[in-house]
N, C-alpha and C. Protein backbone atom coordinates (compact mmCIF):
# COMPACT_ATOMS: atom_id res chain seq x y z
N MET A 1 77.59 -19.80 -125.23
CA MET A 1 76.49 -19.28 -124.42
C MET A 1 76.71 -17.79 -124.17
N ALA A 2 75.65 -17.01 -124.32
CA ALA A 2 75.77 -15.56 -124.17
C ALA A 2 76.06 -15.19 -122.72
N LEU A 3 76.82 -14.12 -122.55
CA LEU A 3 77.10 -13.62 -121.21
C LEU A 3 75.83 -13.08 -120.57
N GLN A 4 75.74 -13.22 -119.25
CA GLN A 4 74.63 -12.67 -118.48
C GLN A 4 75.18 -11.70 -117.45
N LEU A 5 74.32 -10.81 -116.97
CA LEU A 5 74.73 -9.92 -115.89
C LEU A 5 75.13 -10.76 -114.68
N GLY A 6 76.23 -10.39 -114.06
CA GLY A 6 76.73 -11.13 -112.91
C GLY A 6 77.76 -12.18 -113.26
N ASP A 7 77.88 -12.53 -114.55
CA ASP A 7 78.92 -13.47 -114.97
C ASP A 7 80.29 -12.81 -114.85
N THR A 8 81.31 -13.63 -114.66
CA THR A 8 82.68 -13.12 -114.72
C THR A 8 83.02 -12.81 -116.17
N ALA A 9 83.51 -11.60 -116.41
CA ALA A 9 83.90 -11.22 -117.77
C ALA A 9 85.06 -12.11 -118.22
N PRO A 10 84.97 -12.73 -119.39
CA PRO A 10 86.06 -13.60 -119.84
C PRO A 10 87.39 -12.85 -119.89
N ASP A 11 88.41 -13.47 -119.34
CA ASP A 11 89.76 -12.91 -119.42
C ASP A 11 90.35 -13.30 -120.78
N PHE A 12 91.27 -12.51 -121.26
CA PHE A 12 91.90 -12.81 -122.55
C PHE A 12 93.20 -12.03 -122.67
N GLU A 13 94.05 -12.49 -123.55
CA GLU A 13 95.24 -11.75 -123.94
C GLU A 13 95.04 -11.28 -125.37
N ALA A 14 95.42 -10.04 -125.64
CA ALA A 14 95.19 -9.50 -126.98
C ALA A 14 96.18 -8.39 -127.26
N ASP A 15 96.39 -8.15 -128.55
CA ASP A 15 97.18 -7.01 -128.99
C ASP A 15 96.24 -5.82 -129.12
N THR A 16 96.72 -4.65 -128.72
CA THR A 16 95.92 -3.43 -128.83
C THR A 16 96.79 -2.33 -129.44
N THR A 17 96.16 -1.21 -129.71
CA THR A 17 96.89 -0.07 -130.25
C THR A 17 97.88 0.51 -129.25
N GLU A 18 97.78 0.10 -127.98
CA GLU A 18 98.72 0.55 -126.96
C GLU A 18 99.56 -0.60 -126.42
N GLY A 19 99.65 -1.69 -127.22
CA GLY A 19 100.47 -2.82 -126.82
C GLY A 19 99.64 -3.98 -126.31
N PRO A 20 100.29 -5.11 -126.03
CA PRO A 20 99.57 -6.30 -125.58
C PRO A 20 99.03 -6.12 -124.16
N ILE A 21 97.87 -6.74 -123.90
CA ILE A 21 97.28 -6.71 -122.56
C ILE A 21 96.78 -8.09 -122.18
N LYS A 22 96.69 -8.31 -120.88
CA LYS A 22 95.89 -9.40 -120.30
C LYS A 22 94.72 -8.69 -119.63
N PHE A 23 93.52 -8.95 -120.06
CA PHE A 23 92.38 -8.09 -119.78
C PHE A 23 92.15 -7.87 -118.28
N HIS A 24 92.09 -8.92 -117.49
CA HIS A 24 91.82 -8.74 -116.06
C HIS A 24 92.93 -7.95 -115.39
N ASP A 25 94.17 -8.20 -115.79
CA ASP A 25 95.28 -7.42 -115.23
C ASP A 25 95.17 -5.96 -115.65
N TRP A 26 94.75 -5.72 -116.87
CA TRP A 26 94.58 -4.35 -117.36
C TRP A 26 93.51 -3.61 -116.58
N ILE A 27 92.42 -4.30 -116.25
CA ILE A 27 91.36 -3.67 -115.45
C ILE A 27 91.88 -3.33 -114.06
N GLY A 28 92.60 -4.26 -113.45
CA GLY A 28 93.10 -4.04 -112.09
C GLY A 28 91.95 -3.85 -111.12
N ASP A 29 92.02 -2.80 -110.31
CA ASP A 29 90.99 -2.51 -109.32
C ASP A 29 89.99 -1.47 -109.82
N SER A 30 89.98 -1.21 -111.10
CA SER A 30 89.11 -0.19 -111.69
C SER A 30 87.80 -0.79 -112.20
N TRP A 31 86.90 0.07 -112.59
CA TRP A 31 85.78 -0.30 -113.44
C TRP A 31 86.28 -0.24 -114.88
N ALA A 32 85.55 -0.87 -115.80
CA ALA A 32 85.97 -0.84 -117.20
C ALA A 32 84.76 -0.85 -118.12
N VAL A 33 84.95 -0.22 -119.28
CA VAL A 33 83.98 -0.28 -120.38
C VAL A 33 84.68 -0.88 -121.58
N LEU A 34 84.12 -1.97 -122.10
CA LEU A 34 84.58 -2.57 -123.35
C LEU A 34 83.47 -2.36 -124.38
N PHE A 35 83.77 -1.64 -125.47
CA PHE A 35 82.76 -1.45 -126.50
C PHE A 35 83.31 -1.91 -127.84
N SER A 36 82.46 -2.61 -128.61
CA SER A 36 82.95 -3.36 -129.76
C SER A 36 82.37 -2.85 -131.07
N HIS A 37 83.10 -3.16 -132.15
CA HIS A 37 82.78 -2.65 -133.48
C HIS A 37 82.96 -3.76 -134.51
N PRO A 38 82.09 -3.79 -135.54
CA PRO A 38 82.15 -4.88 -136.52
C PRO A 38 83.29 -4.78 -137.52
N LYS A 39 83.82 -3.54 -137.71
CA LYS A 39 84.88 -3.37 -138.71
C LYS A 39 85.42 -1.95 -138.62
N ASP A 40 86.68 -1.79 -138.99
CA ASP A 40 87.26 -0.45 -139.05
C ASP A 40 86.64 0.36 -140.19
N PHE A 41 86.66 1.67 -140.01
CA PHE A 41 86.20 2.64 -141.01
C PHE A 41 84.69 2.61 -141.26
N THR A 42 83.93 1.94 -140.41
CA THR A 42 82.47 2.02 -140.54
C THR A 42 82.02 3.38 -140.00
N PRO A 43 81.11 4.05 -140.69
CA PRO A 43 80.82 5.46 -140.36
C PRO A 43 80.22 5.69 -138.98
N ILE A 44 79.25 4.87 -138.56
CA ILE A 44 78.65 5.07 -137.24
C ILE A 44 79.68 4.83 -136.15
N CYS A 45 80.47 3.77 -136.29
CA CYS A 45 81.52 3.48 -135.31
C CYS A 45 82.55 4.60 -135.25
N THR A 46 82.84 5.20 -136.38
CA THR A 46 83.80 6.31 -136.40
C THR A 46 83.32 7.45 -135.51
N THR A 47 82.02 7.77 -135.59
CA THR A 47 81.49 8.84 -134.72
C THR A 47 81.54 8.43 -133.26
N GLU A 48 81.31 7.16 -132.98
CA GLU A 48 81.30 6.68 -131.59
C GLU A 48 82.69 6.74 -130.97
N LEU A 49 83.68 6.28 -131.71
CA LEU A 49 85.04 6.29 -131.19
C LEU A 49 85.52 7.72 -130.96
N GLY A 50 85.14 8.63 -131.84
CA GLY A 50 85.52 10.02 -131.66
C GLY A 50 84.83 10.65 -130.47
N TYR A 51 83.54 10.38 -130.31
CA TYR A 51 82.82 10.96 -129.17
C TYR A 51 83.34 10.40 -127.85
N MET A 52 83.59 9.08 -127.83
CA MET A 52 84.14 8.49 -126.61
C MET A 52 85.46 9.16 -126.22
N ALA A 53 86.31 9.45 -127.22
CA ALA A 53 87.58 10.12 -126.93
C ALA A 53 87.35 11.50 -126.32
N SER A 54 86.34 12.20 -126.80
CA SER A 54 86.08 13.56 -126.30
C SER A 54 85.56 13.57 -124.88
N ILE A 55 84.87 12.51 -124.46
CA ILE A 55 84.32 12.49 -123.09
C ILE A 55 85.08 11.53 -122.17
N LYS A 56 86.21 11.00 -122.63
CA LYS A 56 86.96 10.07 -121.79
C LYS A 56 87.32 10.67 -120.42
N PRO A 57 87.59 11.98 -120.30
CA PRO A 57 87.85 12.51 -118.96
C PRO A 57 86.72 12.24 -117.96
N GLU A 58 85.49 12.14 -118.44
CA GLU A 58 84.37 11.82 -117.54
C GLU A 58 84.49 10.39 -117.01
N PHE A 59 84.94 9.47 -117.85
CA PHE A 59 85.16 8.10 -117.40
C PHE A 59 86.36 8.05 -116.45
N ASP A 60 87.42 8.80 -116.79
CA ASP A 60 88.60 8.85 -115.91
C ASP A 60 88.20 9.34 -114.51
N ARG A 61 87.35 10.34 -114.47
CA ARG A 61 86.94 10.95 -113.19
C ARG A 61 86.20 9.94 -112.31
N ARG A 62 85.56 8.99 -112.94
CA ARG A 62 84.81 7.96 -112.21
C ARG A 62 85.64 6.71 -111.96
N GLY A 63 86.91 6.74 -112.34
CA GLY A 63 87.77 5.57 -112.15
C GLY A 63 87.42 4.43 -113.08
N VAL A 64 87.01 4.76 -114.31
CA VAL A 64 86.59 3.76 -115.29
C VAL A 64 87.57 3.76 -116.46
N LYS A 65 88.14 2.60 -116.75
CA LYS A 65 89.01 2.45 -117.91
C LYS A 65 88.16 2.14 -119.14
N VAL A 66 88.59 2.64 -120.29
CA VAL A 66 87.87 2.47 -121.54
C VAL A 66 88.74 1.70 -122.53
N ILE A 67 88.14 0.73 -123.21
CA ILE A 67 88.85 0.00 -124.24
C ILE A 67 87.87 -0.35 -125.37
N GLY A 68 88.31 -0.17 -126.61
CA GLY A 68 87.51 -0.52 -127.76
C GLY A 68 87.96 -1.84 -128.35
N LEU A 69 87.17 -2.33 -129.28
CA LEU A 69 87.50 -3.57 -130.00
C LEU A 69 86.93 -3.46 -131.40
N SER A 70 87.69 -3.93 -132.38
CA SER A 70 87.17 -4.04 -133.74
C SER A 70 87.70 -5.33 -134.35
N VAL A 71 86.83 -5.98 -135.14
CA VAL A 71 87.21 -7.24 -135.77
C VAL A 71 88.03 -6.96 -137.02
N ASP A 72 89.20 -6.42 -136.80
CA ASP A 72 90.18 -6.14 -137.84
C ASP A 72 91.55 -6.17 -137.17
N PRO A 73 92.62 -6.32 -137.93
CA PRO A 73 93.96 -6.32 -137.34
C PRO A 73 94.32 -4.97 -136.71
N THR A 74 95.17 -5.01 -135.72
CA THR A 74 95.54 -3.81 -134.98
C THR A 74 96.19 -2.75 -135.88
N ASP A 75 96.96 -3.18 -136.88
CA ASP A 75 97.64 -2.17 -137.72
C ASP A 75 96.64 -1.32 -138.50
N ARG A 76 95.47 -1.86 -138.80
CA ARG A 76 94.44 -1.06 -139.46
C ARG A 76 93.83 -0.04 -138.50
N HIS A 77 93.83 -0.36 -137.21
CA HIS A 77 93.27 0.57 -136.23
C HIS A 77 94.04 1.90 -136.23
N ALA A 78 95.35 1.82 -136.44
CA ALA A 78 96.16 3.05 -136.46
C ALA A 78 95.74 3.96 -137.60
N GLU A 79 95.47 3.39 -138.76
CA GLU A 79 95.00 4.18 -139.90
C GLU A 79 93.60 4.73 -139.63
N TRP A 80 92.77 3.91 -139.00
CA TRP A 80 91.42 4.36 -138.67
C TRP A 80 91.46 5.52 -137.68
N ALA A 81 92.40 5.47 -136.73
CA ALA A 81 92.52 6.55 -135.74
C ALA A 81 92.77 7.89 -136.42
N LYS A 82 93.56 7.88 -137.50
CA LYS A 82 93.82 9.12 -138.24
C LYS A 82 92.53 9.64 -138.86
N ASP A 83 91.73 8.74 -139.39
CA ASP A 83 90.45 9.10 -139.99
C ASP A 83 89.49 9.63 -138.93
N ILE A 84 89.48 9.01 -137.77
CA ILE A 84 88.61 9.46 -136.68
C ILE A 84 88.98 10.88 -136.26
N GLU A 85 90.28 11.13 -136.12
CA GLU A 85 90.72 12.47 -135.73
C GLU A 85 90.35 13.50 -136.80
N GLU A 86 90.51 13.14 -138.05
CA GLU A 86 90.22 14.07 -139.14
C GLU A 86 88.73 14.39 -139.22
N THR A 87 87.88 13.39 -139.03
CA THR A 87 86.44 13.59 -139.22
C THR A 87 85.71 13.99 -137.95
N GLN A 88 86.23 13.57 -136.78
CA GLN A 88 85.52 13.81 -135.52
C GLN A 88 86.23 14.83 -134.63
N GLY A 89 87.46 15.15 -134.96
CA GLY A 89 88.18 16.15 -134.20
C GLY A 89 88.97 15.63 -133.02
N THR A 90 88.80 14.35 -132.69
CA THR A 90 89.51 13.76 -131.55
C THR A 90 89.88 12.33 -131.89
N ALA A 91 91.16 12.02 -131.79
CA ALA A 91 91.62 10.65 -132.03
C ALA A 91 91.39 9.80 -130.79
N PRO A 92 91.22 8.50 -130.93
CA PRO A 92 91.08 7.64 -129.75
C PRO A 92 92.24 7.83 -128.78
N ASN A 93 91.91 8.02 -127.52
CA ASN A 93 92.91 8.19 -126.46
C ASN A 93 92.80 7.05 -125.44
N TYR A 94 92.48 5.90 -125.95
CA TYR A 94 92.31 4.67 -125.18
C TYR A 94 92.70 3.53 -126.13
N PRO A 95 93.03 2.36 -125.61
CA PRO A 95 93.44 1.26 -126.48
C PRO A 95 92.27 0.68 -127.26
N ILE A 96 92.57 0.15 -128.45
CA ILE A 96 91.59 -0.56 -129.27
C ILE A 96 92.15 -1.94 -129.56
N ILE A 97 91.39 -2.95 -129.23
CA ILE A 97 91.81 -4.33 -129.40
C ILE A 97 91.71 -4.74 -130.87
N GLY A 98 92.73 -5.41 -131.37
CA GLY A 98 92.65 -6.06 -132.67
C GLY A 98 92.17 -7.49 -132.48
N ASP A 99 90.98 -7.78 -132.98
CA ASP A 99 90.38 -9.11 -132.76
C ASP A 99 90.28 -9.87 -134.08
N SER A 100 91.39 -9.92 -134.80
CA SER A 100 91.38 -10.50 -136.15
C SER A 100 91.17 -12.01 -136.15
N ASP A 101 91.35 -12.67 -135.00
CA ASP A 101 91.05 -14.10 -134.93
C ASP A 101 89.69 -14.36 -134.30
N PHE A 102 88.94 -13.28 -134.02
CA PHE A 102 87.57 -13.34 -133.49
C PHE A 102 87.49 -13.91 -132.07
N ALA A 103 88.64 -14.08 -131.41
CA ALA A 103 88.65 -14.78 -130.12
C ALA A 103 87.85 -14.04 -129.05
N VAL A 104 88.01 -12.72 -128.98
CA VAL A 104 87.30 -11.96 -127.96
C VAL A 104 85.81 -11.88 -128.29
N ALA A 105 85.51 -11.62 -129.55
CA ALA A 105 84.10 -11.56 -129.97
C ALA A 105 83.38 -12.86 -129.66
N LYS A 106 84.04 -13.98 -129.86
CA LYS A 106 83.44 -15.28 -129.54
C LYS A 106 83.30 -15.47 -128.04
N ALA A 107 84.34 -15.12 -127.29
CA ALA A 107 84.30 -15.31 -125.84
C ALA A 107 83.18 -14.50 -125.19
N TYR A 108 82.87 -13.35 -125.78
CA TYR A 108 81.82 -12.48 -125.24
C TYR A 108 80.47 -12.70 -125.92
N GLY A 109 80.35 -13.78 -126.69
CA GLY A 109 79.08 -14.15 -127.27
C GLY A 109 78.59 -13.27 -128.39
N MET A 110 79.51 -12.53 -129.03
CA MET A 110 79.11 -11.61 -130.10
C MET A 110 79.19 -12.22 -131.49
N LEU A 111 79.94 -13.31 -131.63
CA LEU A 111 80.02 -14.04 -132.88
C LEU A 111 79.93 -15.53 -132.58
N PRO A 112 79.38 -16.32 -133.50
CA PRO A 112 79.31 -17.77 -133.29
C PRO A 112 80.69 -18.40 -133.20
N ALA A 113 80.75 -19.52 -132.52
CA ALA A 113 82.03 -20.21 -132.29
C ALA A 113 82.66 -20.71 -133.58
N ASP A 114 81.86 -20.92 -134.64
CA ASP A 114 82.41 -21.49 -135.87
C ASP A 114 82.91 -20.45 -136.86
N VAL A 115 82.89 -19.16 -136.49
CA VAL A 115 83.41 -18.12 -137.38
C VAL A 115 84.92 -18.27 -137.53
N SER A 116 85.40 -18.18 -138.75
CA SER A 116 86.84 -18.30 -139.01
C SER A 116 87.17 -17.59 -140.32
N GLY A 117 88.46 -17.59 -140.67
CA GLY A 117 88.88 -17.03 -141.94
C GLY A 117 89.52 -15.67 -141.81
N ASP A 118 89.69 -15.02 -142.95
CA ASP A 118 90.35 -13.71 -143.03
C ASP A 118 89.37 -12.63 -142.60
N PRO A 119 89.66 -11.88 -141.55
CA PRO A 119 88.73 -10.83 -141.11
C PRO A 119 88.52 -9.75 -142.15
N LEU A 120 89.54 -9.51 -142.98
CA LEU A 120 89.41 -8.47 -144.00
C LEU A 120 88.46 -8.87 -145.12
N ALA A 121 88.17 -10.17 -145.21
CA ALA A 121 87.23 -10.63 -146.23
C ALA A 121 85.79 -10.55 -145.76
N ARG A 122 85.60 -10.25 -144.48
CA ARG A 122 84.25 -10.16 -143.91
C ARG A 122 83.75 -8.72 -144.02
N THR A 123 82.47 -8.58 -144.25
CA THR A 123 81.86 -7.25 -144.35
C THR A 123 81.34 -6.82 -142.98
N PRO A 124 81.05 -5.53 -142.79
CA PRO A 124 80.42 -5.11 -141.53
C PRO A 124 79.14 -5.88 -141.23
N ALA A 125 78.37 -6.20 -142.28
CA ALA A 125 77.13 -6.96 -142.07
C ALA A 125 77.41 -8.36 -141.53
N ASP A 126 78.54 -8.95 -141.93
CA ASP A 126 78.92 -10.26 -141.40
C ASP A 126 79.15 -10.21 -139.90
N ASN A 127 79.62 -9.05 -139.43
CA ASN A 127 79.98 -8.88 -138.02
C ASN A 127 79.01 -7.96 -137.27
N GLN A 128 77.80 -7.81 -137.78
CA GLN A 128 76.90 -6.79 -137.24
C GLN A 128 76.54 -7.00 -135.78
N THR A 129 76.72 -8.21 -135.27
CA THR A 129 76.42 -8.48 -133.86
C THR A 129 77.54 -8.02 -132.93
N VAL A 130 78.64 -7.54 -133.50
CA VAL A 130 79.75 -7.04 -132.66
C VAL A 130 79.50 -5.54 -132.43
N ARG A 131 78.44 -5.24 -131.68
CA ARG A 131 78.02 -3.86 -131.43
C ARG A 131 77.56 -3.75 -129.98
N ASN A 132 78.36 -4.30 -129.06
CA ASN A 132 77.97 -4.35 -127.65
C ASN A 132 78.77 -3.37 -126.80
N VAL A 133 78.18 -3.01 -125.69
CA VAL A 133 78.87 -2.27 -124.63
C VAL A 133 78.79 -3.14 -123.38
N PHE A 134 79.94 -3.40 -122.78
CA PHE A 134 80.00 -4.14 -121.52
C PHE A 134 80.60 -3.23 -120.46
N VAL A 135 79.91 -3.09 -119.33
CA VAL A 135 80.49 -2.43 -118.16
C VAL A 135 80.87 -3.52 -117.18
N ILE A 136 82.11 -3.48 -116.74
CA ILE A 136 82.68 -4.52 -115.88
C ILE A 136 83.18 -3.89 -114.60
N GLY A 137 82.83 -4.49 -113.47
CA GLY A 137 83.23 -3.95 -112.18
C GLY A 137 84.62 -4.38 -111.76
N PRO A 138 85.13 -3.79 -110.68
CA PRO A 138 86.45 -4.18 -110.17
C PRO A 138 86.53 -5.66 -109.77
N ASP A 139 85.36 -6.25 -109.52
CA ASP A 139 85.33 -7.69 -109.20
C ASP A 139 85.33 -8.56 -110.45
N LYS A 140 85.47 -7.91 -111.62
CA LYS A 140 85.52 -8.57 -112.93
C LYS A 140 84.17 -9.17 -113.33
N LYS A 141 83.10 -8.77 -112.67
CA LYS A 141 81.76 -9.23 -113.03
C LYS A 141 81.13 -8.26 -114.03
N VAL A 142 80.32 -8.80 -114.93
CA VAL A 142 79.61 -7.99 -115.92
C VAL A 142 78.44 -7.29 -115.23
N LYS A 143 78.42 -5.96 -115.29
CA LYS A 143 77.39 -5.16 -114.62
C LYS A 143 76.33 -4.64 -115.58
N LEU A 144 76.69 -4.49 -116.86
CA LEU A 144 75.77 -3.94 -117.85
C LEU A 144 76.13 -4.49 -119.22
N ILE A 145 75.12 -4.84 -120.00
CA ILE A 145 75.31 -5.22 -121.41
C ILE A 145 74.30 -4.44 -122.24
N LEU A 146 74.79 -3.68 -123.19
CA LEU A 146 73.94 -2.97 -124.15
C LEU A 146 74.30 -3.47 -125.54
N VAL A 147 73.29 -3.74 -126.35
CA VAL A 147 73.50 -4.22 -127.71
C VAL A 147 72.81 -3.26 -128.67
N TYR A 148 73.58 -2.71 -129.60
CA TYR A 148 73.06 -1.70 -130.54
C TYR A 148 73.07 -2.23 -131.96
N PRO A 149 72.08 -1.85 -132.77
CA PRO A 149 72.13 -2.17 -134.20
C PRO A 149 73.13 -1.27 -134.91
N MET A 150 73.54 -1.67 -136.10
CA MET A 150 74.54 -0.91 -136.84
C MET A 150 74.05 0.47 -137.24
N THR A 151 72.74 0.65 -137.33
CA THR A 151 72.18 1.91 -137.82
C THR A 151 71.98 2.96 -136.73
N THR A 152 72.24 2.60 -135.48
CA THR A 152 71.99 3.50 -134.35
C THR A 152 73.26 3.71 -133.54
N GLY A 153 73.74 4.95 -133.51
CA GLY A 153 74.93 5.25 -132.72
C GLY A 153 74.66 5.13 -131.23
N ARG A 154 75.67 4.74 -130.51
CA ARG A 154 75.52 4.52 -129.06
C ARG A 154 75.46 5.84 -128.29
N ASN A 155 74.75 5.82 -127.18
CA ASN A 155 74.61 6.97 -126.30
C ASN A 155 75.53 6.78 -125.10
N PHE A 156 76.73 7.33 -125.17
CA PHE A 156 77.69 7.14 -124.09
C PHE A 156 77.36 7.99 -122.87
N ASP A 157 76.53 9.01 -123.03
CA ASP A 157 76.04 9.74 -121.86
C ASP A 157 75.17 8.82 -121.01
N GLU A 158 74.42 7.94 -121.65
CA GLU A 158 73.62 6.96 -120.91
C GLU A 158 74.52 5.96 -120.20
N VAL A 159 75.62 5.57 -120.85
CA VAL A 159 76.56 4.66 -120.20
C VAL A 159 77.12 5.31 -118.93
N LEU A 160 77.46 6.59 -119.00
CA LEU A 160 77.93 7.30 -117.81
C LEU A 160 76.86 7.34 -116.73
N ARG A 161 75.61 7.58 -117.13
CA ARG A 161 74.51 7.63 -116.16
C ARG A 161 74.38 6.29 -115.43
N VAL A 162 74.46 5.20 -116.19
CA VAL A 162 74.34 3.88 -115.58
C VAL A 162 75.53 3.60 -114.66
N ILE A 163 76.72 4.00 -115.09
CA ILE A 163 77.89 3.82 -114.22
C ILE A 163 77.73 4.59 -112.92
N ASP A 164 77.20 5.81 -112.98
CA ASP A 164 76.94 6.56 -111.75
C ASP A 164 76.01 5.77 -110.83
N SER A 165 74.97 5.18 -111.41
CA SER A 165 74.04 4.37 -110.62
C SER A 165 74.72 3.12 -110.07
N LEU A 166 75.47 2.42 -110.91
CA LEU A 166 76.15 1.21 -110.47
C LEU A 166 77.12 1.48 -109.33
N GLN A 167 77.87 2.56 -109.44
CA GLN A 167 78.85 2.87 -108.40
C GLN A 167 78.17 3.31 -107.11
N LEU A 168 77.07 4.05 -107.23
CA LEU A 168 76.33 4.48 -106.04
C LEU A 168 75.69 3.30 -105.34
N THR A 169 75.02 2.44 -106.11
CA THR A 169 74.29 1.33 -105.51
C THR A 169 75.22 0.23 -105.02
N ALA A 170 76.45 0.19 -105.53
CA ALA A 170 77.43 -0.76 -105.01
C ALA A 170 77.93 -0.33 -103.63
N LYS A 171 77.85 0.96 -103.36
CA LYS A 171 78.37 1.52 -102.10
C LYS A 171 77.30 1.63 -101.03
N HIS A 172 76.06 1.90 -101.45
CA HIS A 172 74.95 2.12 -100.51
C HIS A 172 73.80 1.17 -100.80
N LYS A 173 72.95 0.95 -99.83
CA LYS A 173 71.82 0.03 -99.97
C LYS A 173 70.63 0.75 -100.59
N VAL A 174 70.83 1.19 -101.83
CA VAL A 174 69.80 1.94 -102.53
C VAL A 174 69.70 1.45 -103.97
N ALA A 175 68.63 1.89 -104.64
CA ALA A 175 68.43 1.67 -106.06
C ALA A 175 68.01 3.00 -106.67
N THR A 176 68.14 3.11 -108.00
CA THR A 176 67.82 4.37 -108.65
C THR A 176 66.58 4.23 -109.52
N PRO A 177 65.67 5.20 -109.46
CA PRO A 177 64.41 5.10 -110.21
C PRO A 177 64.58 5.48 -111.69
N ALA A 178 63.47 5.38 -112.41
CA ALA A 178 63.47 5.75 -113.83
C ALA A 178 63.94 7.18 -114.02
N GLN A 179 64.71 7.39 -115.07
CA GLN A 179 65.21 8.71 -115.46
C GLN A 179 66.15 9.34 -114.43
N TRP A 180 66.65 8.55 -113.50
CA TRP A 180 67.52 9.07 -112.44
C TRP A 180 68.77 9.70 -113.04
N GLN A 181 69.19 10.81 -112.43
CA GLN A 181 70.44 11.47 -112.76
C GLN A 181 71.23 11.70 -111.48
N GLN A 182 72.54 11.84 -111.62
CA GLN A 182 73.41 12.08 -110.46
C GLN A 182 72.86 13.22 -109.62
N GLY A 183 72.69 12.97 -108.32
CA GLY A 183 72.17 13.99 -107.41
C GLY A 183 70.70 13.87 -107.11
N ASP A 184 69.95 13.10 -107.91
CA ASP A 184 68.52 12.92 -107.67
C ASP A 184 68.28 12.01 -106.47
N ASP A 185 67.04 12.05 -105.96
CA ASP A 185 66.65 11.14 -104.89
C ASP A 185 66.75 9.69 -105.36
N VAL A 186 66.92 8.79 -104.39
CA VAL A 186 67.04 7.37 -104.69
C VAL A 186 66.01 6.60 -103.87
N ILE A 187 65.92 5.31 -104.12
CA ILE A 187 64.98 4.43 -103.43
C ILE A 187 65.76 3.47 -102.55
N ILE A 188 65.32 3.33 -101.30
CA ILE A 188 65.97 2.38 -100.41
C ILE A 188 65.76 0.97 -100.96
N SER A 189 66.82 0.19 -100.98
CA SER A 189 66.76 -1.17 -101.52
C SER A 189 65.70 -1.99 -100.80
N GLY A 190 64.99 -2.82 -101.57
CA GLY A 190 63.94 -3.65 -101.00
C GLY A 190 64.45 -4.69 -100.01
N SER A 191 65.76 -4.95 -100.02
CA SER A 191 66.33 -5.92 -99.09
C SER A 191 66.53 -5.34 -97.69
N VAL A 192 66.33 -4.03 -97.55
CA VAL A 192 66.55 -3.35 -96.27
C VAL A 192 65.22 -3.25 -95.53
N SER A 193 65.18 -3.70 -94.27
CA SER A 193 63.96 -3.62 -93.48
C SER A 193 63.64 -2.17 -93.13
N ASP A 194 62.40 -1.91 -92.75
CA ASP A 194 62.01 -0.55 -92.38
C ASP A 194 62.83 -0.05 -91.20
N ASP A 195 63.05 -0.91 -90.21
CA ASP A 195 63.81 -0.48 -89.03
C ASP A 195 65.25 -0.15 -89.41
N GLU A 196 65.86 -1.01 -90.22
CA GLU A 196 67.23 -0.75 -90.65
C GLU A 196 67.30 0.51 -91.51
N ALA A 197 66.29 0.70 -92.36
CA ALA A 197 66.25 1.89 -93.22
C ALA A 197 66.18 3.16 -92.39
N ARG A 198 65.35 3.15 -91.35
CA ARG A 198 65.23 4.35 -90.50
C ARG A 198 66.55 4.64 -89.77
N GLU A 199 67.24 3.55 -89.39
CA GLU A 199 68.53 3.72 -88.71
C GLU A 199 69.57 4.33 -89.64
N ILE A 200 69.54 3.91 -90.91
CA ILE A 200 70.54 4.40 -91.87
C ILE A 200 70.15 5.75 -92.45
N PHE A 201 68.87 5.90 -92.85
CA PHE A 201 68.44 7.05 -93.63
C PHE A 201 67.53 8.01 -92.89
N GLY A 202 67.05 7.62 -91.71
CA GLY A 202 66.05 8.44 -91.03
C GLY A 202 64.68 8.22 -91.65
N GLU A 203 63.75 9.12 -91.39
CA GLU A 203 62.43 9.02 -92.01
C GLU A 203 62.54 9.38 -93.48
N TRP A 204 61.62 8.87 -94.30
CA TRP A 204 61.68 9.12 -95.73
C TRP A 204 60.34 9.60 -96.26
N ASP A 205 60.44 10.27 -97.38
CA ASP A 205 59.26 10.74 -98.10
C ASP A 205 58.85 9.64 -99.07
N SER A 206 57.59 9.21 -99.03
CA SER A 206 57.19 8.08 -99.86
C SER A 206 55.82 8.30 -100.47
N PRO A 207 55.72 8.30 -101.82
CA PRO A 207 54.41 8.41 -102.45
C PRO A 207 53.56 7.16 -102.27
N LYS A 208 54.19 6.02 -102.04
CA LYS A 208 53.51 4.76 -101.77
C LYS A 208 54.24 4.05 -100.65
N PRO A 209 53.58 3.25 -99.85
CA PRO A 209 54.26 2.59 -98.73
C PRO A 209 55.45 1.73 -99.14
N TYR A 210 55.37 1.15 -100.33
CA TYR A 210 56.44 0.24 -100.76
C TYR A 210 57.56 0.95 -101.51
N ILE A 211 57.43 2.26 -101.76
CA ILE A 211 58.50 3.04 -102.40
C ILE A 211 59.08 3.99 -101.36
N ARG A 212 60.28 3.73 -100.95
CA ARG A 212 60.89 4.50 -99.85
C ARG A 212 61.96 5.42 -100.46
N VAL A 213 61.58 6.66 -100.69
CA VAL A 213 62.43 7.60 -101.41
C VAL A 213 63.22 8.45 -100.41
N VAL A 214 64.53 8.54 -100.65
CA VAL A 214 65.40 9.32 -99.76
C VAL A 214 66.35 10.14 -100.64
N PRO A 215 66.94 11.20 -100.08
CA PRO A 215 67.97 11.94 -100.84
C PRO A 215 69.16 11.02 -101.14
N GLN A 216 69.85 11.31 -102.23
CA GLN A 216 71.02 10.52 -102.59
C GLN A 216 72.05 10.58 -101.49
N PRO A 217 72.55 9.42 -101.01
CA PRO A 217 73.60 9.45 -99.98
C PRO A 217 74.91 9.94 -100.56
N SER A 218 75.71 10.54 -99.73
CA SER A 218 77.00 11.06 -100.19
C SER A 218 78.06 9.96 -100.12
């Protein structure tokens, strides 16, 4: 069954380019991003892994751990890292999971349960559904799922934008409107009564009675 928002992210033990991990223990009290790839040395994924490495300080600043996954053995990831550095200018500076038994891909609903065999015998097209981004909160719940086709590179700036929203709305009783960016006005959550909203936020500017817009809380 596919994961849904609000589900507990499946825990697992796996080998990575930075050694073995137990996923929930690795997350600890942080936020986390798990992003997956159908195979090593695929060109679009190569650009994604390189770009993620270049902007990882932005994730660090937000207290978000980053981890990749590819359906290939971990020893191939080391060779791929050299290629990523050569072509993209930045080698991965975060762990990459070796999922050669497909266990993590299956647990996260990215491959069918009956997939088996030698991962090196599978083509990227065989694993094309392993192109997800999962944002996981400190409570180990899934907060965001993005699924990309093989032909479209992921927008990690958008992932950062959503994380900014998730972290803000987890702390305050607000929601963020379309095209919201860090620092923009927000909307008071619909679960907050008008009296409670005035107590917390004061009076608000509203284009419609049911949209209660206030400056972003600090």
